[in-house]
Amino acid sequence: MDRSADAAGVLEHSDVGAQKNRVVTEEEWLQKWEMHNIGFHKEQGHPFLQKYLDVLLSGRSGLRIFFPLCGKAVDMKWLADMGHCVVGVEVSEQALKEFFAEHSLPYSEEPVPEIPGAKKLQSTSGNISLYCCSIYDLSSSIVGKFDGFWDRGALVAVNPCDRQRYASLMISLMEENSSYLLVTVSYDPNKHKGPPFYVPESEIKSLFGFLPEKGDWLDKMVGDMEASVQGCLNSARIIAMEELLLMSELCEEMGNRAPSPCSSVGGAKALPSAEWSWS
């Protein structure tokens, strides 16, 4: 049986509107970090970033790379160690301090004058700068523009009502010829309230204004995008990837129980419960 085709049929007939009014507050995200309920965090580097690193870099060195809703992603240090300048934003100060502590990186703190109450935590080496504030408080006048983006766990975590605002911000931060790596999740949204939220391909097209090419379930190659932002034309390459979640094959949301093994889908393993069950 072609399980990926079966999943496609499920998604095609799913009512995405079941999630559209779901709102997760800033306080809820802070509580997740306080309670260490962070199944979305990966202790190892993400395989999709490693696979598409050449696409992100496009033969360039010394890039400015943006991590929206960065948490304490280990990939930030990986890219910084390659000589790139990494900038992230995260509402949880705890997450950012854990990042520096877990990598034994000395850092300094300073206020962000343009954003009341915000902080910038910067490595003493200067190539990792993490902003502690709402992502919507950022702008290109504060953080500049970027050559590359790693969006894993960001678009799918944004409240559905805020997606257009989020996408518009991302586009405004793009340099010409930037590369945007986007990871979404694929599952039946009627069976999980999110986050992570299911964002269909048609909505990605609407948000970012590009026409996706056809691809397989786990690695969707997406064509070049041209986006007009306040009269400035940016040419950015978007690579969108899906982590396929078959609800019938994944463990149920399990509370304190350990997740069961998950079966293989299309030659790649579906994500275990602890990976996708964020709520």
C-alpha atoms as a PDB file:
ATOM      1  CA  MET A   1       0.000   0.000   0.000  1.00  0.00           C
ATOM      2  CA  ASP A   2       1.274   3.472  -0.898  1.00  0.00           C
ATOM      3  CA  ARG A   3       1.090   5.152   2.492  1.00  0.00           C
ATOM      4  CA  SER A   4       2.249   8.554   1.278  1.00  0.00           C
ATOM      5  CA  ALA A   5      -0.481   8.577  -1.368  1.00  0.00           C
ATOM      6  CA  ASP A   6      -2.990   7.624   1.311  1.00  0.00           C
ATOM      7  CA  ALA A   7      -1.836  10.541   3.439  1.00  0.00           C
ATOM      8  CA  ALA A   8      -2.184  12.863   0.477  1.00  0.00           C
ATOM      9  CA  GLY A   9      -5.797  11.823   0.114  1.00  0.00           C
ATOM     10  CA  VAL A  10      -6.446  12.486   3.783  1.00  0.00           C
ATOM     11  CA  LEU A  11      -4.941  15.954   3.587  1.00  0.00           C
ATOM     12  CA  GLU A  12      -6.778  16.830   0.416  1.00  0.00           C
ATOM     13  CA  HIS A  13     -10.109  16.378   2.165  1.00  0.00           C
ATOM     14  CA  SER A  14      -9.132  17.703   5.584  1.00  0.00           C
ATOM     15  CA  ASP A  15     -10.794  20.760   7.032  1.00  0.00           C
ATOM     16  CA  VAL A  16      -7.830  23.031   7.695  1.00  0.00           C
ATOM     17  CA  GLY A  17     -10.325  25.502   9.104  1.00  0.00           C
ATOM     18  CA  ALA A  18     -10.493  23.338  12.219  1.00  0.00           C
ATOM     19  CA  GLN A  19      -7.206  24.970  13.296  1.00  0.00           C
ATOM     20  CA  LYS A  20      -7.722  28.478  11.954  1.00  0.00           C
ATOM     21  CA  ASN A  21      -8.970  30.010  15.218  1.00  0.00           C
ATOM     22  CA  ARG A  22      -6.402  28.316  17.446  1.00  0.00           C
ATOM     23  CA  VAL A  23      -4.292  30.836  19.375  1.00  0.00           C
ATOM     24  CA  VAL A  24      -1.277  30.005  21.516  1.00  0.00           C
ATOM     25  CA  THR A  25      -0.297  32.904  23.769  1.00  0.00           C
ATOM     26  CA  GLU A  26       3.193  34.148  24.540  1.00  0.00           C
ATOM     27  CA  GLU A  27       2.649  33.071  28.136  1.00  0.00           C
ATOM     28  CA  GLU A  28       1.948  29.506  26.993  1.00  0.00           C
ATOM     29  CA  TRP A  29       5.224  29.387  25.053  1.00  0.00           C
ATOM     30  CA  LEU A  30       7.119  30.730  28.068  1.00  0.00           C
ATOM     31  CA  GLN A  31       5.504  28.073  30.221  1.00  0.00           C
ATOM     32  CA  LYS A  32       6.608  25.349  27.809  1.00  0.00           C
ATOM     33  CA  TRP A  33      10.212  26.429  28.341  1.00  0.00           C
ATOM     34  CA  GLU A  34       9.771  26.761  32.097  1.00  0.00           C
ATOM     35  CA  MET A  35       8.271  23.268  32.312  1.00  0.00           C
ATOM     36  CA  HIS A  36      10.778  21.920  29.777  1.00  0.00           C
ATOM     37  CA  ASN A  37       7.885  20.804  27.587  1.00  0.00           C
ATOM     38  CA  ILE A  38       9.955  21.328  24.452  1.00  0.00           C
ATOM     39  CA  GLY A  39       9.400  18.301  22.245  1.00  0.00           C
ATOM     40  CA  PHE A  40      10.039  20.589  19.268  1.00  0.00           C
ATOM     41  CA  HIS A  41      13.705  21.041  20.234  1.00  0.00           C
ATOM     42  CA  LYS A  42      16.180  18.753  18.463  1.00  0.00           C
ATOM     43  CA  GLU A  43      19.329  17.772  20.323  1.00  0.00           C
ATOM     44  CA  GLN A  44      21.075  17.033  17.016  1.00  0.00           C
ATOM     45  CA  GLY A  45      21.365  19.110  13.875  1.00  0.00           C
ATOM     46  CA  HIS A  46      18.417  18.858  11.516  1.00  0.00           C
ATOM     47  CA  PRO A  47      19.021  16.460   8.586  1.00  0.00           C
ATOM     48  CA  PHE A  48      17.163  18.706   6.122  1.00  0.00           C
ATOM     49  CA  LEU A  49      19.490  21.623   6.896  1.00  0.00           C
ATOM     50  CA  GLN A  50      22.459  19.358   6.361  1.00  0.00           C
ATOM     51  CA  LYS A  51      20.990  18.011   3.131  1.00  0.00           C
ATOM     52  CA  TYR A  52      20.226  21.435   1.665  1.00  0.00           C
ATOM     53  CA  LEU A  53      23.171  23.335   3.106  1.00  0.00           C
ATOM     54  CA  ASP A  54      24.622  23.863  -0.368  1.00  0.00           C
ATOM     55  CA  VAL A  55      21.326  25.410  -1.465  1.00  0.00           C
ATOM     56  CA  LEU A  56      21.318  27.731   1.529  1.00  0.00           C
ATOM     57  CA  LEU A  57      24.897  28.840   0.993  1.00  0.00           C
ATOM     58  CA  SER A  58      24.979  28.777  -2.831  1.00  0.00           C
ATOM     59  CA  GLY A  59      28.750  28.765  -2.754  1.00  0.00           C
ATOM     60  CA  ARG A  60      28.904  31.888  -0.599  1.00  0.00           C
ATOM     61  CA  SER A  61      30.825  32.452   2.626  1.00  0.00           C
ATOM     62  CA  GLY A  62      30.289  34.812   5.531  1.00  0.00           C
ATOM     63  CA  LEU A  63      26.502  34.928   5.144  1.00  0.00           C
ATOM     64  CA  ARG A  64      23.990  36.528   7.506  1.00  0.00           C
ATOM     65  CA  ILE A  65      21.524  33.762   8.403  1.00  0.00           C
ATOM     66  CA  PHE A  66      18.256  34.285  10.262  1.00  0.00           C
ATOM     67  CA  PHE A  67      16.613  31.796  12.637  1.00  0.00           C
ATOM     68  CA  PRO A  68      13.013  32.884  13.350  1.00  0.00           C
ATOM     69  CA  LEU A  69      11.656  31.562  16.675  1.00  0.00           C
ATOM     70  CA  CYS A  70      15.093  30.062  17.226  1.00  0.00           C
ATOM     71  CA  GLY A  71      14.707  28.514  20.667  1.00  0.00           C
ATOM     72  CA  LYS A  72      18.107  26.996  21.460  1.00  0.00           C
ATOM     73  CA  ALA A  73      18.626  25.357  18.070  1.00  0.00           C
ATOM     74  CA  VAL A  74      21.996  23.639  17.904  1.00  0.00           C
ATOM     75  CA  ASP A  75      22.180  24.459  14.194  1.00  0.00           C
ATOM     76  CA  MET A  76      22.961  28.081  15.081  1.00  0.00           C
ATOM     77  CA  LYS A  77      26.369  27.187  16.473  1.00  0.00           C
ATOM     78  CA  TRP A  78      26.996  24.782  13.589  1.00  0.00           C
ATOM     79  CA  LEU A  79      26.565  27.564  11.043  1.00  0.00           C
ATOM     80  CA  ALA A  80      28.424  30.113  13.149  1.00  0.00           C
ATOM     81  CA  ASP A  81      31.381  27.718  13.387  1.00  0.00           C
ATOM     82  CA  MET A  82      31.475  27.745   9.583  1.00  0.00           C
ATOM     83  CA  GLY A  83      32.081  31.492   9.678  1.00  0.00           C
ATOM     84  CA  HIS A  84      28.546  32.734   9.111  1.00  0.00           C
ATOM     85  CA  CYS A  85      26.809  35.418  11.154  1.00  0.00           C
ATOM     86  CA  VAL A  86      23.723  33.998  12.862  1.00  0.00           C
ATOM     87  CA  VAL A  87      20.816  36.088  14.122  1.00  0.00           C
ATOM     88  CA  GLY A  88      17.861  34.599  15.962  1.00  0.00           C
ATOM     89  CA  VAL A  89      14.765  35.766  17.755  1.00  0.00           C
ATOM     90  CA  GLU A  90      12.980  34.033  20.604  1.00  0.00           C
ATOM     91  CA  VAL A  91      10.478  35.157  23.225  1.00  0.00           C
ATOM     92  CA  SER A  92      11.981  32.942  25.938  1.00  0.00           C
ATOM     93  CA  GLU A  93      15.087  34.361  27.598  1.00  0.00           C
ATOM     94  CA  GLN A  94      15.542  31.001  29.298  1.00  0.00           C
ATOM     95  CA  ALA A  95      15.897  29.298  25.894  1.00  0.00           C
ATOM     96  CA  LEU A  96      18.562  31.750  24.766  1.00  0.00           C
ATOM     97  CA  LYS A  97      20.565  31.477  27.980  1.00  0.00           C
ATOM     98  CA  GLU A  98      20.388  27.692  27.789  1.00  0.00           C
ATOM     99  CA  PHE A  99      21.776  27.877  24.252  1.00  0.00           C
ATOM    100  CA  PHE A 100      24.871  29.777  25.333  1.00  0.00           C
ATOM    101  CA  ALA A 101      25.327  27.650  28.467  1.00  0.00           C
ATOM    102  CA  GLU A 102      24.977  24.308  26.678  1.00  0.00           C
ATOM    103  CA  HIS A 103      27.589  25.320  24.111  1.00  0.00           C
ATOM    104  CA  SER A 104      29.883  26.962  26.690  1.00  0.00           C
ATOM    105  CA  LEU A 105      29.755  30.223  24.777  1.00  0.00           C
ATOM    106  CA  PRO A 106      30.477  33.438  26.668  1.00  0.00           C
ATOM    107  CA  TYR A 107      28.084  36.235  25.797  1.00  0.00           C
ATOM    108  CA  SER A 108      27.008  39.731  26.717  1.00  0.00           C
ATOM    109  CA  GLU A 109      23.568  41.279  27.119  1.00  0.00           C
ATOM    110  CA  GLU A 110      22.401  44.689  26.022  1.00  0.00           C
ATOM    111  CA  PRO A 111      19.028  46.391  25.627  1.00  0.00           C
ATOM    112  CA  VAL A 112      17.495  46.983  22.211  1.00  0.00           C
ATOM    113  CA  PRO A 113      16.680  50.713  22.229  1.00  0.00           C
ATOM    114  CA  GLU A 114      14.001  50.427  19.548  1.00  0.00           C
ATOM    115  CA  ILE A 115      12.064  47.726  21.460  1.00  0.00           C
ATOM    116  CA  PRO A 116      11.074  48.440  25.073  1.00  0.00           C
ATOM    117  CA  GLY A 117      12.019  45.541  27.338  1.00  0.00           C
ATOM    118  CA  ALA A 118      13.874  43.622  24.634  1.00  0.00           C
ATOM    119  CA  LYS A 119      17.397  42.273  25.014  1.00  0.00           C
ATOM    120  CA  LYS A 120      20.125  41.208  22.629  1.00  0.00           C
ATOM    121  CA  LEU A 121      22.334  38.357  23.778  1.00  0.00           C
ATOM    122  CA  GLN A 122      25.515  38.284  21.712  1.00  0.00           C
ATOM    123  CA  SER A 123      28.416  35.866  21.771  1.00  0.00           C
ATOM    124  CA  THR A 124      31.733  37.494  22.600  1.00  0.00           C
ATOM    125  CA  SER A 125      32.943  36.335  19.194  1.00  0.00           C
ATOM    126  CA  GLY A 126      30.220  38.554  17.743  1.00  0.00           C
ATOM    127  CA  ASN A 127      28.878  36.069  15.195  1.00  0.00           C
ATOM    128  CA  ILE A 128      25.776  34.939  17.116  1.00  0.00           C
ATOM    129  CA  SER A 129      23.195  37.572  18.068  1.00  0.00           C
ATOM    130  CA  LEU A 130      19.933  36.440  19.650  1.00  0.00           C
ATOM    131  CA  TYR A 131      17.071  38.843  20.292  1.00  0.00           C
ATOM    132  CA  CYS A 132      14.724  38.207  23.191  1.00  0.00           C
ATOM    133  CA  CYS A 133      11.416  39.759  22.159  1.00  0.00           C
ATOM    134  CA  SER A 134       8.360  39.166  20.022  1.00  0.00           C
ATOM    135  CA  ILE A 135       9.344  38.434  16.458  1.00  0.00           C
ATOM    136  CA  TYR A 136       6.826  41.044  15.318  1.00  0.00           C
ATOM    137  CA  ASP A 137       8.827  43.771  17.065  1.00  0.00           C
ATOM    138  CA  LEU A 138      11.730  43.209  14.679  1.00  0.00           C
ATOM    139  CA  SER A 139      12.306  45.037  11.420  1.00  0.00           C
ATOM    140  CA  SER A 140      15.101  45.383   8.898  1.00  0.00           C
ATOM    141  CA  SER A 141      16.060  48.699  10.493  1.00  0.00           C
ATOM    142  CA  ILE A 142      16.857  46.809  13.718  1.00  0.00           C
ATOM    143  CA  VAL A 143      18.357  43.515  12.506  1.00  0.00           C
ATOM    144  CA  GLY A 144      19.220  44.271   8.896  1.00  0.00           C
ATOM    145  CA  LYS A 145      18.576  41.888   6.016  1.00  0.00           C
ATOM    146  CA  PHE A 146      19.672  38.302   5.517  1.00  0.00           C
ATOM    147  CA  ASP A 147      21.248  36.093   2.888  1.00  0.00           C
ATOM    148  CA  GLY A 148      19.734  32.919   4.283  1.00  0.00           C
ATOM    149  CA  PHE A 149      16.842  31.714   6.457  1.00  0.00           C
ATOM    150  CA  TRP A 150      16.300  28.470   8.357  1.00  0.00           C
ATOM    151  CA  ASP A 151      12.580  28.222   9.132  1.00  0.00           C
ATOM    152  CA  ARG A 152      12.050  24.987  10.998  1.00  0.00           C
ATOM    153  CA  GLY A 153       9.349  25.098  13.657  1.00  0.00           C
ATOM    154  CA  ALA A 154       8.565  28.771  13.027  1.00  0.00           C
ATOM    155  CA  LEU A 155       5.862  29.123  10.363  1.00  0.00           C
ATOM    156  CA  VAL A 156       4.197  25.989  11.745  1.00  0.00           C
ATOM    157  CA  ALA A 157       4.216  27.470  15.259  1.00  0.00           C
ATOM    158  CA  VAL A 158       2.820  30.889  14.346  1.00  0.00           C
ATOM    159  CA  ASN A 159      -0.873  31.278  15.120  1.00  0.00           C
ATOM    160  CA  PRO A 160      -2.836  30.812  11.872  1.00  0.00           C
ATOM    161  CA  CYS A 161      -4.288  34.314  12.174  1.00  0.00           C
ATOM    162  CA  ASP A 162      -0.739  35.757  12.186  1.00  0.00           C
ATOM    163  CA  ARG A 163       0.720  33.894   9.211  1.00  0.00           C
ATOM    164  CA  GLN A 164       0.397  36.712   6.703  1.00  0.00           C
ATOM    165  CA  ARG A 165       2.023  39.140   9.127  1.00  0.00           C
ATOM    166  CA  TYR A 166       4.820  36.652   9.686  1.00  0.00           C
ATOM    167  CA  ALA A 167       5.402  36.008   5.974  1.00  0.00           C
ATOM    168  CA  SER A 168       5.427  39.726   5.209  1.00  0.00           C
ATOM    169  CA  LEU A 169       8.092  40.231   7.870  1.00  0.00           C
ATOM    170  CA  MET A 170      10.218  37.409   6.463  1.00  0.00           C
ATOM    171  CA  ILE A 171      10.013  38.847   2.962  1.00  0.00           C
ATOM    172  CA  SER A 172      10.986  42.294   4.268  1.00  0.00           C
ATOM    173  CA  LEU A 173      14.150  40.789   5.781  1.00  0.00           C
ATOM    174  CA  MET A 174      15.322  39.109   2.566  1.00  0.00           C
ATOM    175  CA  GLU A 175      18.404  40.304   0.762  1.00  0.00           C
ATOM    176  CA  GLU A 176      18.536  39.885  -2.988  1.00  0.00           C
ATOM    177  CA  ASN A 177      19.320  36.296  -3.955  1.00  0.00           C
ATOM    178  CA  SER A 178      18.648  35.034  -0.456  1.00  0.00           C
ATOM    179  CA  SER A 179      17.823  31.376   0.216  1.00  0.00           C
ATOM    180  CA  TYR A 180      14.912  30.391   2.454  1.00  0.00           C
ATOM    181  CA  LEU A 181      14.718  26.848   3.786  1.00  0.00           C
ATOM    182  CA  LEU A 182      11.229  26.112   5.097  1.00  0.00           C
ATOM    183  CA  VAL A 183      10.155  22.960   6.930  1.00  0.00           C
ATOM    184  CA  THR A 184       6.450  22.258   7.310  1.00  0.00           C
ATOM    185  CA  VAL A 185       4.569  19.261   8.678  1.00  0.00           C
ATOM    186  CA  SER A 186       2.032  17.124   6.874  1.00  0.00           C
ATOM    187  CA  TYR A 187      -0.784  15.359   8.749  1.00  0.00           C
ATOM    188  CA  ASP A 188      -4.554  15.326   9.106  1.00  0.00           C
ATOM    189  CA  PRO A 189      -5.316  18.612  10.935  1.00  0.00           C
ATOM    190  CA  ASN A 190      -8.661  17.258  12.118  1.00  0.00           C
ATOM    191  CA  LYS A 191      -6.786  14.979  14.513  1.00  0.00           C
ATOM    192  CA  HIS A 192      -4.393  17.450  16.106  1.00  0.00           C
ATOM    193  CA  LYS A 193      -5.167  20.988  17.208  1.00  0.00           C
ATOM    194  CA  GLY A 194      -1.603  22.248  16.834  1.00  0.00           C
ATOM    195  CA  PRO A 195       1.004  23.491  17.170  1.00  0.00           C
ATOM    196  CA  PRO A 196       2.714  22.448  15.050  1.00  0.00           C
ATOM    197  CA  PHE A 197       0.048  23.599  12.622  1.00  0.00           C
ATOM    198  CA  TYR A 198      -0.615  22.114   9.224  1.00  0.00           C
ATOM    199  CA  VAL A 199       0.118  24.711   6.525  1.00  0.00           C
ATOM    200  CA  PRO A 200      -1.023  23.481   3.103  1.00  0.00           C
ATOM    201  CA  GLU A 201       1.027  24.078  -0.005  1.00  0.00           C
ATOM    202  CA  SER A 202      -1.647  26.389  -1.398  1.00  0.00           C
ATOM    203  CA  GLU A 203      -1.318  28.650   1.633  1.00  0.00           C
ATOM    204  CA  ILE A 204       2.462  28.741   1.368  1.00  0.00           C
ATOM    205  CA  LYS A 205       1.985  29.897  -2.206  1.00  0.00           C
ATOM    206  CA  SER A 206      -0.443  32.580  -1.063  1.00  0.00           C
ATOM    207  CA  LEU A 207       1.751  33.765   1.799  1.00  0.00           C
ATOM    208  CA  PHE A 208       5.013  34.003  -0.101  1.00  0.00           C
ATOM    209  CA  GLY A 209       3.681  34.577  -3.602  1.00  0.00           C
ATOM    210  CA  PHE A 210       5.450  31.799  -5.494  1.00  0.00           C
ATOM    211  CA  LEU A 211       4.418  28.722  -7.465  1.00  0.00           C
ATOM    212  CA  PRO A 212       5.617  25.463  -5.878  1.00  0.00           C
ATOM    213  CA  GLU A 213       6.972  22.725  -8.093  1.00  0.00           C
ATOM    214  CA  LYS A 214       5.768  19.169  -7.593  1.00  0.00           C
ATOM    215  CA  GLY A 215       7.881  17.065  -5.277  1.00  0.00           C
ATOM    216  CA  ASP A 216       7.706  14.049  -3.050  1.00  0.00           C
ATOM    217  CA  TRP A 217       6.303  14.058   0.478  1.00  0.00           C
ATOM    218  CA  LEU A 218       9.489  14.465   2.419  1.00  0.00           C
ATOM    219  CA  ASP A 219      11.532  16.837   0.279  1.00  0.00           C
ATOM    220  CA  LYS A 220       9.552  19.342  -1.720  1.00  0.00           C
ATOM    221  CA  MET A 221      11.691  21.375  -4.040  1.00  0.00           C
ATOM    222  CA  VAL A 222      10.133  24.757  -4.645  1.00  0.00           C
ATOM    223  CA  GLY A 223      10.951  27.093  -7.498  1.00  0.00           C
ATOM    224  CA  ASP A 224      12.405  30.599  -7.467  1.00  0.00           C
ATOM    225  CA  MET A 225      10.294  33.319  -5.936  1.00  0.00           C
ATOM    226  CA  GLU A 226      10.072  36.967  -6.818  1.00  0.00           C
ATOM    227  CA  ALA A 227       8.430  39.125  -4.174  1.00  0.00           C
ATOM    228  CA  SER A 228       7.788  42.831  -4.445  1.00  0.00           C
ATOM    229  CA  VAL A 229       8.316  44.478  -1.075  1.00  0.00           C
ATOM    230  CA  GLN A 230       7.642  48.207  -0.819  1.00  0.00           C
ATOM    231  CA  GLY A 231       8.817  48.750  -4.361  1.00  0.00           C
ATOM    232  CA  CYS A 232      12.020  46.685  -3.971  1.00  0.00           C
ATOM    233  CA  LEU A 233      12.320  43.459  -5.932  1.00  0.00           C
ATOM    234  CA  ASN A 234      13.935  40.567  -4.082  1.00  0.00           C
ATOM    235  CA  SER A 235      14.878  37.384  -5.900  1.00  0.00           C
ATOM    236  CA  ALA A 236      14.892  34.563  -3.362  1.00  0.00           C
ATOM    237  CA  ARG A 237      15.085  30.834  -3.726  1.00  0.00           C
ATOM    238  CA  ILE A 238      12.643  28.934  -1.536  1.00  0.00           C
ATOM    239  CA  ILE A 239      13.128  25.277  -0.665  1.00  0.00           C
ATOM    240  CA  ALA A 240      10.122  23.832   1.168  1.00  0.00           C
ATOM    241  CA  MET A 241      10.301  20.453   2.865  1.00  0.00           C
ATOM    242  CA  GLU A 242       7.615  18.449   4.610  1.00  0.00           C
ATOM    243  CA  GLU A 243       8.010  16.167   7.564  1.00  0.00           C
ATOM    244  CA  LEU A 244       5.248  13.655   6.941  1.00  0.00           C
ATOM    245  CA  LEU A 245       3.202  12.763  10.006  1.00  0.00           C
ATOM    246  CA  LEU A 246       0.732   9.902   9.620  1.00  0.00           C
ATOM    247  CA  MET A 247      -1.527  10.154  12.623  1.00  0.00           C
ATOM    248  CA  SER A 248      -2.631   6.521  12.327  1.00  0.00           C
ATOM    249  CA  GLU A 249       0.984   5.415  12.597  1.00  0.00           C
ATOM    250  CA  LEU A 250       2.221   7.834  15.189  1.00  0.00           C
ATOM    251  CA  CYS A 251       1.764   7.439  18.885  1.00  0.00           C
ATOM    252  CA  GLU A 252      -1.121   9.313  20.426  1.00  0.00           C
ATOM    253  CA  GLU A 253      -0.325  12.333  22.522  1.00  0.00           C
ATOM    254  CA  MET A 254       0.937  10.439  25.496  1.00  0.00           C
ATOM    255  CA  GLY A 255       1.485  12.641  28.499  1.00  0.00           C
ATOM    256  CA  ASN A 256       4.113  10.919  30.611  1.00  0.00           C
ATOM    257  CA  ARG A 257       4.182   7.664  28.644  1.00  0.00           C
ATOM    258  CA  ALA A 258       7.144   6.920  26.434  1.00  0.00           C
ATOM    259  CA  PRO A 259       6.405   7.063  22.702  1.00  0.00           C
ATOM    260  CA  SER A 260       6.110   3.815  20.749  1.00  0.00           C
ATOM    261  CA  PRO A 261       8.285   3.158  17.700  1.00  0.00           C
ATOM    262  CA  CYS A 262       6.945   4.745  14.534  1.00  0.00           C
ATOM    263  CA  SER A 263       6.816   3.023  11.183  1.00  0.00           C
ATOM    264  CA  SER A 264       8.717   3.998   8.101  1.00  0.00           C
ATOM    265  CA  VAL A 265       7.108   6.215   5.466  1.00  0.00           C
ATOM    266  CA  GLY A 266       8.548   6.538   1.993  1.00  0.00           C
ATOM    267  CA  GLY A 267      11.969   5.369   3.147  1.00  0.00           C
ATOM    268  CA  ALA A 268      12.158   7.967   5.938  1.00  0.00           C
ATOM    269  CA  LYS A 269      10.958   7.669   9.467  1.00  0.00           C
ATOM    270  CA  ALA A 270       7.860   9.530  10.599  1.00  0.00           C
ATOM    271  CA  LEU A 271       8.487  11.737  13.601  1.00  0.00           C
ATOM    272  CA  PRO A 272       7.824  10.282  17.042  1.00  0.00           C
ATOM    273  CA  SER A 273       5.242  11.802  19.343  1.00  0.00           C
ATOM    274  CA  ALA A 274       7.788  13.705  21.402  1.00  0.00           C
ATOM    275  CA  GLU A 275       8.917  15.479  18.237  1.00  0.00           C
ATOM    276  CA  TRP A 276       5.591  16.841  17.080  1.00  0.00           C
ATOM    277  CA  SER A 277       3.346  16.952  20.117  1.00  0.00           C
ATOM    278  CA  TRP A 278       4.047  20.492  21.283  1.00  0.00           C
ATOM    279  CA  SER A 279       0.914  21.200  23.256  1.00  0.00           C
END
